[in-house]
């Protein structure tokens, strides 16, 4: 009997030590954010607007850093960063979302927990102030991964999330952007043969930057866990209930403690076709590729080879960072536990 009691005591003691070890905080954490990719040229940016973007990125980074520094989770950090950018009209997410062809703001968002592979997303919502928080509610408070439209909005109300009138998302700059896009479409239809014009409009080659502005965050916390979050207003002048890659797990958003956390921005149709984020994770897990090599392969080679473009941010389980893009610029930044902080906008 004494032997059994001793063995049981040793088992309990070992389990307690294991739990303490698992919950032990390291000093290392990493946070990376983006505010969209596109034709972002210094020659076309006023000093005032450049400063505004830098301050917005700085605020988002500091918000997430404060959480991670105190031992908060990667999930809490990426959600807070994205909420900060959703509330800033400079970005195509939340308050600054672009307009659809019908003159509406339709929002998409996703979040993923690298430790458990749990994920949540919402798509096509029009009344939820912070779609990223709704995505997290789907992940944590429902048995589902994705909810769309009116159903997602009903769920958000039931969860006590902030609901706003659709007019909240209106900004004059985005409204003017829609009018320009419609005018270009009209001119294209008049100048081209109908079938050629239809195909051209579907590709929107002359309107490439109407797709960009998605925001996102990825983090490695002091527990060694990864998380990713992405939010977007989608594509200016989008039609027919179009949904891009941001809310699709494995395309624009993915996190797995075994490999990497990723948030993408760019031409969503191509990110979906390439299963962008999961492909990079698989290259790392099964192909034993390093993060930079895998991310560059997908963003710098395979994406443009298909005719798409964009960029992404990523952090792997070791804290390595990648921020590749094949556009003229990408609003991006990172901060590390050692105090290193970088904010960039243009191509180097």
C-alpha atoms as a PDB file:
ATOM      1  CA  UNK A   1       0.000   0.000   0.000  1.00  0.00           C
ATOM      2  CA  UNK A   2       2.845   2.378   0.893  1.00  0.00           C
ATOM      3  CA  UNK A   3       4.416   1.666  -2.508  1.00  0.00           C
ATOM      4  CA  UNK A   4       1.169   2.575  -4.296  1.00  0.00           C
ATOM      5  CA  UNK A   5       0.820   5.787  -2.299  1.00  0.00           C
ATOM      6  CA  UNK A   6       4.446   6.698  -3.040  1.00  0.00           C
ATOM      7  CA  UNK A   7       4.005   6.064  -6.764  1.00  0.00           C
ATOM      8  CA  UNK A   8       0.798   8.093  -6.787  1.00  0.00           C
ATOM      9  CA  UNK A   9       2.524  10.956  -4.978  1.00  0.00           C
ATOM     10  CA  UNK A  10       5.397  10.914  -7.468  1.00  0.00           C
ATOM     11  CA  UNK A  11       2.906  10.958 -10.383  1.00  0.00           C
ATOM     12  CA  UNK A  12       1.057  13.947  -8.965  1.00  0.00           C
ATOM     13  CA  UNK A  13       4.336  15.742  -8.238  1.00  0.00           C
ATOM     14  CA  UNK A  14       5.647  15.127 -11.765  1.00  0.00           C
ATOM     15  CA  UNK A  15       2.369  16.323 -13.271  1.00  0.00           C
ATOM     16  CA  UNK A  16       2.533  19.484 -11.188  1.00  0.00           C
ATOM     17  CA  UNK A  17       6.083  20.162 -12.338  1.00  0.00           C
ATOM     18  CA  UNK A  18       5.020  19.576 -15.954  1.00  0.00           C
ATOM     19  CA  UNK A  19       2.169  22.049 -15.607  1.00  0.00           C
ATOM     20  CA  UNK A  20       4.468  24.612 -14.048  1.00  0.00           C
ATOM     21  CA  UNK A  21       6.917  24.121 -16.896  1.00  0.00           C
ATOM     22  CA  UNK A  22       4.166  24.476 -19.503  1.00  0.00           C
ATOM     23  CA  UNK A  23       2.881  27.684 -17.945  1.00  0.00           C
ATOM     24  CA  UNK A  24       6.327  29.161 -17.355  1.00  0.00           C
ATOM     25  CA  UNK A  25       6.774  32.446 -19.133  1.00  0.00           C
ATOM     26  CA  UNK A  26       9.781  32.941 -21.356  1.00  0.00           C
ATOM     27  CA  UNK A  27      11.190  36.396 -22.011  1.00  0.00           C
ATOM     28  CA  UNK A  28      10.731  36.049 -25.775  1.00  0.00           C
ATOM     29  CA  UNK A  29       7.780  37.298 -27.804  1.00  0.00           C
ATOM     30  CA  UNK A  30       7.259  38.694 -31.310  1.00  0.00           C
ATOM     31  CA  UNK A  31       4.450  40.721 -32.884  1.00  0.00           C
ATOM     32  CA  UNK A  32       4.061  41.555 -36.587  1.00  0.00           C
ATOM     33  CA  UNK A  33       1.307  43.630 -38.242  1.00  0.00           C
ATOM     34  CA  UNK A  34       0.293  44.791 -41.711  1.00  0.00           C
ATOM     35  CA  UNK A  35      -2.117  47.396 -43.028  1.00  0.00           C
ATOM     36  CA  UNK A  36      -2.369  46.271 -46.635  1.00  0.00           C
ATOM     37  CA  UNK A  37      -0.279  46.058 -49.796  1.00  0.00           C
ATOM     38  CA  UNK A  38      -0.524  47.799 -53.152  1.00  0.00           C
ATOM     39  CA  UNK A  39       0.939  50.595 -55.263  1.00  0.00           C
ATOM     40  CA  UNK A  40       2.248  52.557 -52.307  1.00  0.00           C
ATOM     41  CA  UNK A  41       4.833  55.012 -53.608  1.00  0.00           C
ATOM     42  CA  UNK A  42       6.633  57.686 -51.633  1.00  0.00           C
ATOM     43  CA  UNK A  43       6.271  60.024 -54.599  1.00  0.00           C
ATOM     44  CA  UNK A  44       2.487  59.797 -54.271  1.00  0.00           C
ATOM     45  CA  UNK A  45       2.339  60.105 -50.480  1.00  0.00           C
ATOM     46  CA  UNK A  46       2.128  63.438 -48.699  1.00  0.00           C
ATOM     47  CA  UNK A  47       4.298  63.833 -45.577  1.00  0.00           C
ATOM     48  CA  UNK A  48       1.137  64.280 -43.499  1.00  0.00           C
ATOM     49  CA  UNK A  49      -0.475  61.073 -44.763  1.00  0.00           C
ATOM     50  CA  UNK A  50       2.749  59.119 -44.371  1.00  0.00           C
ATOM     51  CA  UNK A  51       3.000  60.296 -40.775  1.00  0.00           C
ATOM     52  CA  UNK A  52      -0.624  59.330 -40.147  1.00  0.00           C
ATOM     53  CA  UNK A  53       0.008  55.770 -41.332  1.00  0.00           C
ATOM     54  CA  UNK A  54       3.180  55.500 -39.267  1.00  0.00           C
ATOM     55  CA  UNK A  55       1.341  56.654 -36.160  1.00  0.00           C
ATOM     56  CA  UNK A  56      -1.523  54.231 -36.818  1.00  0.00           C
ATOM     57  CA  UNK A  57       0.860  51.304 -37.198  1.00  0.00           C
ATOM     58  CA  UNK A  58       2.767  52.446 -34.123  1.00  0.00           C
ATOM     59  CA  UNK A  59      -0.432  52.529 -32.081  1.00  0.00           C
ATOM     60  CA  UNK A  60      -1.455  49.036 -33.172  1.00  0.00           C
ATOM     61  CA  UNK A  61       2.010  47.648 -32.403  1.00  0.00           C
ATOM     62  CA  UNK A  62       2.109  49.278 -28.984  1.00  0.00           C
ATOM     63  CA  UNK A  63      -1.357  47.949 -28.164  1.00  0.00           C
ATOM     64  CA  UNK A  64      -0.285  44.389 -28.861  1.00  0.00           C
ATOM     65  CA  UNK A  65       3.125  44.809 -27.275  1.00  0.00           C
ATOM     66  CA  UNK A  66       1.601  45.945 -23.987  1.00  0.00           C
ATOM     67  CA  UNK A  67      -0.400  42.713 -23.880  1.00  0.00           C
ATOM     68  CA  UNK A  68       2.477  40.379 -24.730  1.00  0.00           C
ATOM     69  CA  UNK A  69       4.935  42.107 -22.408  1.00  0.00           C
ATOM     70  CA  UNK A  70       2.648  41.492 -19.437  1.00  0.00           C
ATOM     71  CA  UNK A  71       2.306  37.807 -20.281  1.00  0.00           C
ATOM     72  CA  UNK A  72      -0.893  38.100 -22.292  1.00  0.00           C
ATOM     73  CA  UNK A  73      -1.706  35.603 -25.006  1.00  0.00           C
ATOM     74  CA  UNK A  74      -0.947  35.828 -28.703  1.00  0.00           C
ATOM     75  CA  UNK A  75      -4.700  35.625 -29.330  1.00  0.00           C
ATOM     76  CA  UNK A  76      -5.391  38.662 -27.176  1.00  0.00           C
ATOM     77  CA  UNK A  77      -2.560  40.575 -28.834  1.00  0.00           C
ATOM     78  CA  UNK A  78      -3.539  39.948 -32.454  1.00  0.00           C
ATOM     79  CA  UNK A  79      -7.199  40.702 -31.760  1.00  0.00           C
ATOM     80  CA  UNK A  80      -6.301  43.982 -30.047  1.00  0.00           C
ATOM     81  CA  UNK A  81      -3.965  45.015 -32.886  1.00  0.00           C
ATOM     82  CA  UNK A  82      -6.587  44.348 -35.524  1.00  0.00           C
ATOM     83  CA  UNK A  83      -9.301  46.125 -33.524  1.00  0.00           C
ATOM     84  CA  UNK A  84      -7.032  49.171 -33.395  1.00  0.00           C
ATOM     85  CA  UNK A  85      -6.753  49.192 -37.184  1.00  0.00           C
ATOM     86  CA  UNK A  86     -10.457  48.392 -37.688  1.00  0.00           C
ATOM     87  CA  UNK A  87     -11.242  51.588 -35.763  1.00  0.00           C
ATOM     88  CA  UNK A  88      -8.902  53.670 -37.930  1.00  0.00           C
ATOM     89  CA  UNK A  89     -10.387  54.945 -41.238  1.00  0.00           C
ATOM     90  CA  UNK A  90      -6.952  54.852 -42.905  1.00  0.00           C
ATOM     91  CA  UNK A  91      -7.295  51.098 -43.396  1.00  0.00           C
ATOM     92  CA  UNK A  92      -9.669  48.988 -45.475  1.00  0.00           C
ATOM     93  CA  UNK A  93     -11.196  47.253 -42.462  1.00  0.00           C
ATOM     94  CA  UNK A  94     -13.924  48.279 -40.050  1.00  0.00           C
ATOM     95  CA  UNK A  95     -14.411  52.048 -40.110  1.00  0.00           C
ATOM     96  CA  UNK A  96     -12.378  52.510 -43.304  1.00  0.00           C
ATOM     97  CA  UNK A  97     -13.894  49.629 -45.287  1.00  0.00           C
ATOM     98  CA  UNK A  98     -14.351  50.039 -49.032  1.00  0.00           C
ATOM     99  CA  UNK A  99     -17.753  49.990 -50.754  1.00  0.00           C
ATOM    100  CA  UNK A 100     -19.324  47.248 -52.826  1.00  0.00           C
ATOM    101  CA  UNK A 101     -20.922  47.903 -56.209  1.00  0.00           C
ATOM    102  CA  UNK A 102     -24.231  48.377 -54.374  1.00  0.00           C
ATOM    103  CA  UNK A 103     -22.746  51.056 -52.122  1.00  0.00           C
ATOM    104  CA  UNK A 104     -22.487  48.883 -49.005  1.00  0.00           C
ATOM    105  CA  UNK A 105     -19.642  48.034 -46.647  1.00  0.00           C
ATOM    106  CA  UNK A 106     -19.329  44.245 -46.304  1.00  0.00           C
ATOM    107  CA  UNK A 107     -16.712  43.104 -43.798  1.00  0.00           C
ATOM    108  CA  UNK A 108     -14.759  39.863 -43.376  1.00  0.00           C
ATOM    109  CA  UNK A 109     -12.439  38.705 -40.589  1.00  0.00           C
ATOM    110  CA  UNK A 110     -10.763  35.591 -39.202  1.00  0.00           C
ATOM    111  CA  UNK A 111      -8.685  34.553 -36.208  1.00  0.00           C
ATOM    112  CA  UNK A 112      -6.818  31.327 -35.404  1.00  0.00           C
ATOM    113  CA  UNK A 113      -5.223  29.784 -32.323  1.00  0.00           C
ATOM    114  CA  UNK A 114      -1.969  28.028 -33.208  1.00  0.00           C
ATOM    115  CA  UNK A 115      -1.961  25.953 -30.020  1.00  0.00           C
ATOM    116  CA  UNK A 116      -5.304  24.227 -30.607  1.00  0.00           C
ATOM    117  CA  UNK A 117      -5.937  24.896 -34.332  1.00  0.00           C
ATOM    118  CA  UNK A 118      -9.263  26.392 -33.322  1.00  0.00           C
ATOM    119  CA  UNK A 119     -10.423  29.102 -35.710  1.00  0.00           C
ATOM    120  CA  UNK A 120     -13.308  31.479 -36.252  1.00  0.00           C
ATOM    121  CA  UNK A 121     -14.391  33.808 -39.033  1.00  0.00           C
ATOM    122  CA  UNK A 122     -17.215  36.036 -40.229  1.00  0.00           C
ATOM    123  CA  UNK A 123     -17.933  37.187 -43.763  1.00  0.00           C
ATOM    124  CA  UNK A 124     -20.214  39.686 -45.444  1.00  0.00           C
ATOM    125  CA  UNK A 125     -21.253  41.439 -42.228  1.00  0.00           C
ATOM    126  CA  UNK A 126     -22.509  45.024 -42.300  1.00  0.00           C
ATOM    127  CA  UNK A 127     -23.349  46.012 -38.711  1.00  0.00           C
ATOM    128  CA  UNK A 128     -20.600  44.579 -36.479  1.00  0.00           C
ATOM    129  CA  UNK A 129     -18.204  47.345 -35.415  1.00  0.00           C
ATOM    130  CA  UNK A 130     -15.249  45.009 -34.886  1.00  0.00           C
ATOM    131  CA  UNK A 131     -15.539  41.912 -37.077  1.00  0.00           C
ATOM    132  CA  UNK A 132     -12.347  40.420 -35.615  1.00  0.00           C
ATOM    133  CA  UNK A 133     -14.011  40.188 -32.210  1.00  0.00           C
ATOM    134  CA  UNK A 134     -17.010  38.517 -33.822  1.00  0.00           C
ATOM    135  CA  UNK A 135     -14.659  36.023 -35.464  1.00  0.00           C
ATOM    136  CA  UNK A 136     -13.158  35.204 -32.079  1.00  0.00           C
ATOM    137  CA  UNK A 137     -16.650  34.746 -30.624  1.00  0.00           C
ATOM    138  CA  UNK A 138     -17.448  32.261 -33.387  1.00  0.00           C
ATOM    139  CA  UNK A 139     -14.273  30.371 -32.490  1.00  0.00           C
ATOM    140  CA  UNK A 140     -14.790  30.334 -28.734  1.00  0.00           C
ATOM    141  CA  UNK A 141     -18.556  30.434 -28.250  1.00  0.00           C
ATOM    142  CA  UNK A 142     -19.973  28.375 -31.103  1.00  0.00           C
ATOM    143  CA  UNK A 143     -19.359  24.921 -32.584  1.00  0.00           C
ATOM    144  CA  UNK A 144     -18.650  26.496 -35.989  1.00  0.00           C
ATOM    145  CA  UNK A 145     -15.698  28.051 -37.802  1.00  0.00           C
ATOM    146  CA  UNK A 146     -17.405  30.478 -40.205  1.00  0.00           C
ATOM    147  CA  UNK A 147     -20.633  32.475 -40.078  1.00  0.00           C
ATOM    148  CA  UNK A 148     -21.839  34.866 -42.757  1.00  0.00           C
ATOM    149  CA  UNK A 149     -24.199  37.777 -43.260  1.00  0.00           C
ATOM    150  CA  UNK A 150     -27.334  38.160 -41.188  1.00  0.00           C
ATOM    151  CA  UNK A 151     -26.649  34.953 -39.263  1.00  0.00           C
ATOM    152  CA  UNK A 152     -23.253  36.178 -38.124  1.00  0.00           C
ATOM    153  CA  UNK A 153     -24.776  39.508 -37.119  1.00  0.00           C
ATOM    154  CA  UNK A 154     -27.504  37.795 -35.102  1.00  0.00           C
ATOM    155  CA  UNK A 155     -24.884  35.697 -33.330  1.00  0.00           C
ATOM    156  CA  UNK A 156     -22.813  38.803 -32.595  1.00  0.00           C
ATOM    157  CA  UNK A 157     -25.818  40.526 -31.021  1.00  0.00           C
ATOM    158  CA  UNK A 158     -26.463  37.470 -28.859  1.00  0.00           C
ATOM    159  CA  UNK A 159     -22.857  37.601 -27.679  1.00  0.00           C
ATOM    160  CA  UNK A 160     -23.237  41.239 -26.661  1.00  0.00           C
ATOM    161  CA  UNK A 161     -20.834  42.625 -29.266  1.00  0.00           C
ATOM    162  CA  UNK A 162     -21.101  46.237 -30.382  1.00  0.00           C
ATOM    163  CA  UNK A 163     -23.588  46.615 -33.239  1.00  0.00           C
ATOM    164  CA  UNK A 164     -23.646  49.820 -35.282  1.00  0.00           C
ATOM    165  CA  UNK A 165     -25.736  51.335 -38.033  1.00  0.00           C
ATOM    166  CA  UNK A 166     -24.147  50.614 -41.443  1.00  0.00           C
ATOM    167  CA  UNK A 167     -23.592  54.359 -41.859  1.00  0.00           C
ATOM    168  CA  UNK A 168     -20.859  54.115 -39.200  1.00  0.00           C
ATOM    169  CA  UNK A 169     -18.516  52.607 -41.795  1.00  0.00           C
ATOM    170  CA  UNK A 170     -18.953  55.418 -44.321  1.00  0.00           C
ATOM    171  CA  UNK A 171     -15.902  57.504 -45.194  1.00  0.00           C
ATOM    172  CA  UNK A 172     -15.778  60.073 -47.964  1.00  0.00           C
ATOM    173  CA  UNK A 173     -12.484  58.762 -49.350  1.00  0.00           C
ATOM    174  CA  UNK A 174     -13.840  55.225 -49.788  1.00  0.00           C
ATOM    175  CA  UNK A 175     -17.065  56.509 -51.339  1.00  0.00           C
ATOM    176  CA  UNK A 176     -15.084  58.494 -53.904  1.00  0.00           C
ATOM    177  CA  UNK A 177     -13.014  55.386 -54.566  1.00  0.00           C
ATOM    178  CA  UNK A 178     -16.162  53.502 -55.506  1.00  0.00           C
ATOM    179  CA  UNK A 179     -17.238  56.245 -57.904  1.00  0.00           C
ATOM    180  CA  UNK A 180     -13.842  56.158 -59.625  1.00  0.00           C
ATOM    181  CA  UNK A 181     -13.998  52.381 -59.942  1.00  0.00           C
ATOM    182  CA  UNK A 182     -17.484  52.519 -61.449  1.00  0.00           C
ATOM    183  CA  UNK A 183     -16.412  55.201 -63.899  1.00  0.00           C
ATOM    184  CA  UNK A 184     -13.457  53.118 -65.048  1.00  0.00           C
ATOM    185  CA  UNK A 185     -15.714  50.090 -65.500  1.00  0.00           C
ATOM    186  CA  UNK A 186     -18.139  52.182 -67.554  1.00  0.00           C
ATOM    187  CA  UNK A 187     -15.396  53.504 -69.805  1.00  0.00           C
ATOM    188  CA  UNK A 188     -14.023  50.006 -70.287  1.00  0.00           C
ATOM    189  CA  UNK A 189     -17.436  48.675 -71.294  1.00  0.00           C
ATOM    190  CA  UNK A 190     -17.866  51.433 -73.860  1.00  0.00           C
ATOM    191  CA  UNK A 191     -14.430  51.047 -75.411  1.00  0.00           C
ATOM    192  CA  UNK A 192     -14.223  47.254 -75.615  1.00  0.00           C
ATOM    193  CA  UNK A 193     -16.280  44.536 -77.166  1.00  0.00           C
ATOM    194  CA  UNK A 194     -18.821  43.315 -74.584  1.00  0.00           C
ATOM    195  CA  UNK A 195     -17.302  39.870 -74.026  1.00  0.00           C
ATOM    196  CA  UNK A 196     -13.755  41.192 -73.877  1.00  0.00           C
ATOM    197  CA  UNK A 197     -14.866  43.916 -71.490  1.00  0.00           C
ATOM    198  CA  UNK A 198     -16.636  41.431 -69.239  1.00  0.00           C
ATOM    199  CA  UNK A 199     -13.534  39.282 -68.951  1.00  0.00           C
ATOM    200  CA  UNK A 200     -11.351  42.310 -68.398  1.00  0.00           C
ATOM    201  CA  UNK A 201     -13.608  43.572 -65.616  1.00  0.00           C
ATOM    202  CA  UNK A 202     -13.536  40.196 -63.932  1.00  0.00           C
ATOM    203  CA  UNK A 203      -9.755  40.369 -63.921  1.00  0.00           C
ATOM    204  CA  UNK A 204      -9.830  44.093 -63.062  1.00  0.00           C
ATOM    205  CA  UNK A 205      -6.276  44.438 -64.306  1.00  0.00           C
ATOM    206  CA  UNK A 206      -6.548  48.199 -64.457  1.00  0.00           C
ATOM    207  CA  UNK A 207      -8.017  48.384 -60.949  1.00  0.00           C
ATOM    208  CA  UNK A 208      -5.552  46.201 -59.086  1.00  0.00           C
ATOM    209  CA  UNK A 209      -5.221  48.401 -56.024  1.00  0.00           C
ATOM    210  CA  UNK A 210      -8.960  48.352 -55.387  1.00  0.00           C
ATOM    211  CA  UNK A 211      -8.332  44.984 -53.747  1.00  0.00           C
ATOM    212  CA  UNK A 212      -5.902  45.958 -51.067  1.00  0.00           C
ATOM    213  CA  UNK A 213      -5.921  47.422 -47.572  1.00  0.00           C
ATOM    214  CA  UNK A 214      -6.589  44.320 -45.514  1.00  0.00           C
ATOM    215  CA  UNK A 215      -5.168  44.505 -41.970  1.00  0.00           C
ATOM    216  CA  UNK A 216      -3.654  41.713 -39.962  1.00  0.00           C
ATOM    217  CA  UNK A 217      -1.483  40.648 -37.047  1.00  0.00           C
ATOM    218  CA  UNK A 218       0.513  37.567 -36.084  1.00  0.00           C
ATOM    219  CA  UNK A 219       2.220  36.881 -32.778  1.00  0.00           C
ATOM    220  CA  UNK A 220       4.369  34.484 -30.782  1.00  0.00           C
ATOM    221  CA  UNK A 221       3.648  34.920 -27.082  1.00  0.00           C
ATOM    222  CA  UNK A 222       5.743  34.183 -24.005  1.00  0.00           C
ATOM    223  CA  UNK A 223       4.091  30.771 -23.640  1.00  0.00           C
ATOM    224  CA  UNK A 224       5.403  29.780 -27.076  1.00  0.00           C
ATOM    225  CA  UNK A 225       1.976  29.921 -28.716  1.00  0.00           C
ATOM    226  CA  UNK A 226       1.192  31.411 -32.126  1.00  0.00           C
ATOM    227  CA  UNK A 227      -1.926  33.239 -33.328  1.00  0.00           C
ATOM    228  CA  UNK A 228      -3.059  35.063 -36.463  1.00  0.00           C
ATOM    229  CA  UNK A 229      -5.844  37.555 -37.199  1.00  0.00           C
ATOM    230  CA  UNK A 230      -6.995  39.275 -40.398  1.00  0.00           C
ATOM    231  CA  UNK A 231      -9.770  41.765 -41.183  1.00  0.00           C
ATOM    232  CA  UNK A 232     -10.874  43.465 -44.393  1.00  0.00           C
ATOM    233  CA  UNK A 233     -13.533  45.419 -46.225  1.00  0.00           C
ATOM    234  CA  UNK A 234     -12.732  43.405 -49.331  1.00  0.00           C
ATOM    235  CA  UNK A 235     -12.571  44.787 -52.848  1.00  0.00           C
ATOM    236  CA  UNK A 236     -13.847  48.175 -54.005  1.00  0.00           C
ATOM    237  CA  UNK A 237     -16.830  47.762 -56.352  1.00  0.00           C
ATOM    238  CA  UNK A 238     -17.098  44.037 -55.588  1.00  0.00           C
ATOM    239  CA  UNK A 239     -20.259  42.343 -56.793  1.00  0.00           C
ATOM    240  CA  UNK A 240     -22.456  39.305 -56.150  1.00  0.00           C
ATOM    241  CA  UNK A 241     -21.573  38.728 -52.485  1.00  0.00           C
ATOM    242  CA  UNK A 242     -17.885  38.239 -53.224  1.00  0.00           C
ATOM    243  CA  UNK A 243     -15.752  36.983 -50.335  1.00  0.00           C
ATOM    244  CA  UNK A 244     -11.977  37.018 -50.449  1.00  0.00           C
ATOM    245  CA  UNK A 245      -9.230  35.123 -48.698  1.00  0.00           C
ATOM    246  CA  UNK A 246      -9.106  36.937 -45.345  1.00  0.00           C
ATOM    247  CA  UNK A 247     -11.875  34.926 -43.607  1.00  0.00           C
ATOM    248  CA  UNK A 248     -10.877  31.633 -45.209  1.00  0.00           C
ATOM    249  CA  UNK A 249      -8.695  29.557 -42.902  1.00  0.00           C
ATOM    250  CA  UNK A 250      -5.595  28.383 -44.745  1.00  0.00           C
ATOM    251  CA  UNK A 251      -5.845  31.029 -47.464  1.00  0.00           C
ATOM    252  CA  UNK A 252      -5.460  34.464 -45.883  1.00  0.00           C
ATOM    253  CA  UNK A 253      -5.240  33.410 -42.238  1.00  0.00           C
ATOM    254  CA  UNK A 254      -3.519  30.471 -40.530  1.00  0.00           C
ATOM    255  CA  UNK A 255      -1.680  29.608 -37.322  1.00  0.00           C
ATOM    256  CA  UNK A 256      -0.102  26.355 -36.138  1.00  0.00           C
ATOM    257  CA  UNK A 257       2.301  26.061 -33.207  1.00  0.00           C
ATOM    258  CA  UNK A 258       4.246  23.431 -35.145  1.00  0.00           C
ATOM    259  CA  UNK A 259       5.100  25.884 -37.894  1.00  0.00           C
ATOM    260  CA  UNK A 260       3.919  29.455 -38.384  1.00  0.00           C
ATOM    261  CA  UNK A 261       1.269  32.161 -38.028  1.00  0.00           C
ATOM    262  CA  UNK A 262       0.327  34.044 -41.207  1.00  0.00           C
ATOM    263  CA  UNK A 263      -1.923  36.930 -42.262  1.00  0.00           C
ATOM    264  CA  UNK A 264      -2.165  37.861 -45.932  1.00  0.00           C
ATOM    265  CA  UNK A 265      -3.130  40.900 -47.978  1.00  0.00           C
ATOM    266  CA  UNK A 266      -3.589  41.088 -51.718  1.00  0.00           C
ATOM    267  CA  UNK A 267      -5.653  39.717 -54.566  1.00  0.00           C
ATOM    268  CA  UNK A 268      -7.782  37.315 -52.583  1.00  0.00           C
ATOM    269  CA  UNK A 269      -8.891  35.071 -55.419  1.00  0.00           C
ATOM    270  CA  UNK A 270      -5.287  34.012 -55.981  1.00  0.00           C
ATOM    271  CA  UNK A 271      -4.568  33.553 -52.283  1.00  0.00           C
ATOM    272  CA  UNK A 272      -7.564  31.194 -52.155  1.00  0.00           C
ATOM    273  CA  UNK A 273      -6.493  29.248 -55.242  1.00  0.00           C
ATOM    274  CA  UNK A 274      -2.995  28.828 -53.835  1.00  0.00           C
ATOM    275  CA  UNK A 275      -4.242  28.068 -50.318  1.00  0.00           C
ATOM    276  CA  UNK A 276      -1.507  30.556 -49.528  1.00  0.00           C
ATOM    277  CA  UNK A 277      -1.065  30.403 -45.768  1.00  0.00           C
ATOM    278  CA  UNK A 278      -1.487  26.638 -45.374  1.00  0.00           C
ATOM    279  CA  UNK A 279       0.835  25.976 -48.307  1.00  0.00           C
ATOM    280  CA  UNK A 280       3.611  27.870 -46.536  1.00  0.00           C
ATOM    281  CA  UNK A 281       2.939  25.964 -43.330  1.00  0.00           C
ATOM    282  CA  UNK A 282       3.056  22.656 -45.211  1.00  0.00           C
ATOM    283  CA  UNK A 283       6.295  23.583 -46.923  1.00  0.00           C
ATOM    284  CA  UNK A 284       7.773  24.168 -43.492  1.00  0.00           C
ATOM    285  CA  UNK A 285       6.292  21.102 -41.801  1.00  0.00           C
ATOM    286  CA  UNK A 286       6.612  18.482 -44.523  1.00  0.00           C
ATOM    287  CA  UNK A 287       9.199  20.034 -46.816  1.00  0.00           C
ATOM    288  CA  UNK A 288      11.412  21.172 -43.940  1.00  0.00           C
ATOM    289  CA  UNK A 289      11.790  24.602 -45.545  1.00  0.00           C
ATOM    290  CA  UNK A 290      12.696  27.689 -43.544  1.00  0.00           C
ATOM    291  CA  UNK A 291      10.057  30.396 -43.178  1.00  0.00           C
ATOM    292  CA  UNK A 292      11.707  32.932 -45.481  1.00  0.00           C
ATOM    293  CA  UNK A 293      12.259  30.428 -48.271  1.00  0.00           C
ATOM    294  CA  UNK A 294       8.680  29.124 -48.102  1.00  0.00           C
ATOM    295  CA  UNK A 295       7.110  32.583 -47.927  1.00  0.00           C
ATOM    296  CA  UNK A 296       9.253  33.910 -50.782  1.00  0.00           C
ATOM    297  CA  UNK A 297       8.408  30.890 -52.925  1.00  0.00           C
ATOM    298  CA  UNK A 298       4.695  31.544 -52.593  1.00  0.00           C
ATOM    299  CA  UNK A 299       4.595  35.360 -52.661  1.00  0.00           C
ATOM    300  CA  UNK A 300       7.484  36.201 -54.967  1.00  0.00           C
ATOM    301  CA  UNK A 301       7.159  33.289 -57.425  1.00  0.00           C
ATOM    302  CA  UNK A 302       3.908  31.327 -57.430  1.00  0.00           C
ATOM    303  CA  UNK A 303       1.536  34.241 -56.779  1.00  0.00           C
ATOM    304  CA  UNK A 304       2.782  36.488 -59.618  1.00  0.00           C
ATOM    305  CA  UNK A 305       3.153  33.469 -61.901  1.00  0.00           C
ATOM    306  CA  UNK A 306      -0.636  33.070 -61.758  1.00  0.00           C
ATOM    307  CA  UNK A 307      -1.224  36.792 -62.301  1.00  0.00           C
ATOM    308  CA  UNK A 308      -1.922  37.794 -58.717  1.00  0.00           C
ATOM    309  CA  UNK A 309      -0.038  39.980 -56.280  1.00  0.00           C
ATOM    310  CA  UNK A 310       0.023  41.005 -52.642  1.00  0.00           C
ATOM    311  CA  UNK A 311       1.978  40.212 -49.522  1.00  0.00           C
ATOM    312  CA  UNK A 312       1.856  38.643 -46.083  1.00  0.00           C
ATOM    313  CA  UNK A 313       3.313  38.754 -42.595  1.00  0.00           C
ATOM    314  CA  UNK A 314       4.483  35.686 -40.721  1.00  0.00           C
ATOM    315  CA  UNK A 315       6.205  34.578 -37.538  1.00  0.00           C
ATOM    316  CA  UNK A 316       7.348  31.013 -36.931  1.00  0.00           C
ATOM    317  CA  UNK A 317       7.589  29.047 -33.708  1.00  0.00           C
ATOM    318  CA  UNK A 318      11.202  30.167 -33.239  1.00  0.00           C
ATOM    319  CA  UNK A 319      10.290  33.844 -33.541  1.00  0.00           C
ATOM    320  CA  UNK A 320      11.638  34.321 -37.071  1.00  0.00           C
ATOM    321  CA  UNK A 321       9.795  36.944 -39.122  1.00  0.00           C
ATOM    322  CA  UNK A 322       8.891  37.216 -42.816  1.00  0.00           C
ATOM    323  CA  UNK A 323       7.141  40.147 -44.533  1.00  0.00           C
ATOM    324  CA  UNK A 324       7.379  39.472 -48.298  1.00  0.00           C
ATOM    325  CA  UNK A 325       5.300  41.340 -50.896  1.00  0.00           C
ATOM    326  CA  UNK A 326       5.360  41.636 -54.681  1.00  0.00           C
ATOM    327  CA  UNK A 327       3.612  45.017 -54.876  1.00  0.00           C
ATOM    328  CA  UNK A 328       5.160  48.493 -54.712  1.00  0.00           C
ATOM    329  CA  UNK A 329       4.652  48.701 -50.973  1.00  0.00           C
ATOM    330  CA  UNK A 330       3.016  47.239 -47.866  1.00  0.00           C
ATOM    331  CA  UNK A 331       2.180  48.933 -44.581  1.00  0.00           C
ATOM    332  CA  UNK A 332       3.983  46.728 -42.083  1.00  0.00           C
ATOM    333  CA  UNK A 333       5.843  46.594 -38.818  1.00  0.00           C
ATOM    334  CA  UNK A 334       7.067  44.392 -36.012  1.00  0.00           C
ATOM    335  CA  UNK A 335       8.185  44.585 -32.422  1.00  0.00           C
ATOM    336  CA  UNK A 336      10.195  42.095 -30.388  1.00  0.00           C
ATOM    337  CA  UNK A 337      10.668  41.495 -26.695  1.00  0.00           C
ATOM    338  CA  UNK A 338      14.228  42.804 -26.920  1.00  0.00           C
ATOM    339  CA  UNK A 339      12.850  46.224 -27.841  1.00  0.00           C
ATOM    340  CA  UNK A 340      13.621  46.042 -31.560  1.00  0.00           C
ATOM    341  CA  UNK A 341      10.874  47.807 -33.495  1.00  0.00           C
ATOM    342  CA  UNK A 342      10.500  48.456 -37.218  1.00  0.00           C
ATOM    343  CA  UNK A 343       7.741  50.227 -39.186  1.00  0.00           C
ATOM    344  CA  UNK A 344       7.938  50.358 -42.981  1.00  0.00           C
ATOM    345  CA  UNK A 345       5.716  51.376 -45.873  1.00  0.00           C
ATOM    346  CA  UNK A 346       7.664  51.314 -49.134  1.00  0.00           C
ATOM    347  CA  UNK A 347       9.619  48.736 -51.057  1.00  0.00           C
ATOM    348  CA  UNK A 348      13.292  48.775 -50.069  1.00  0.00           C
END
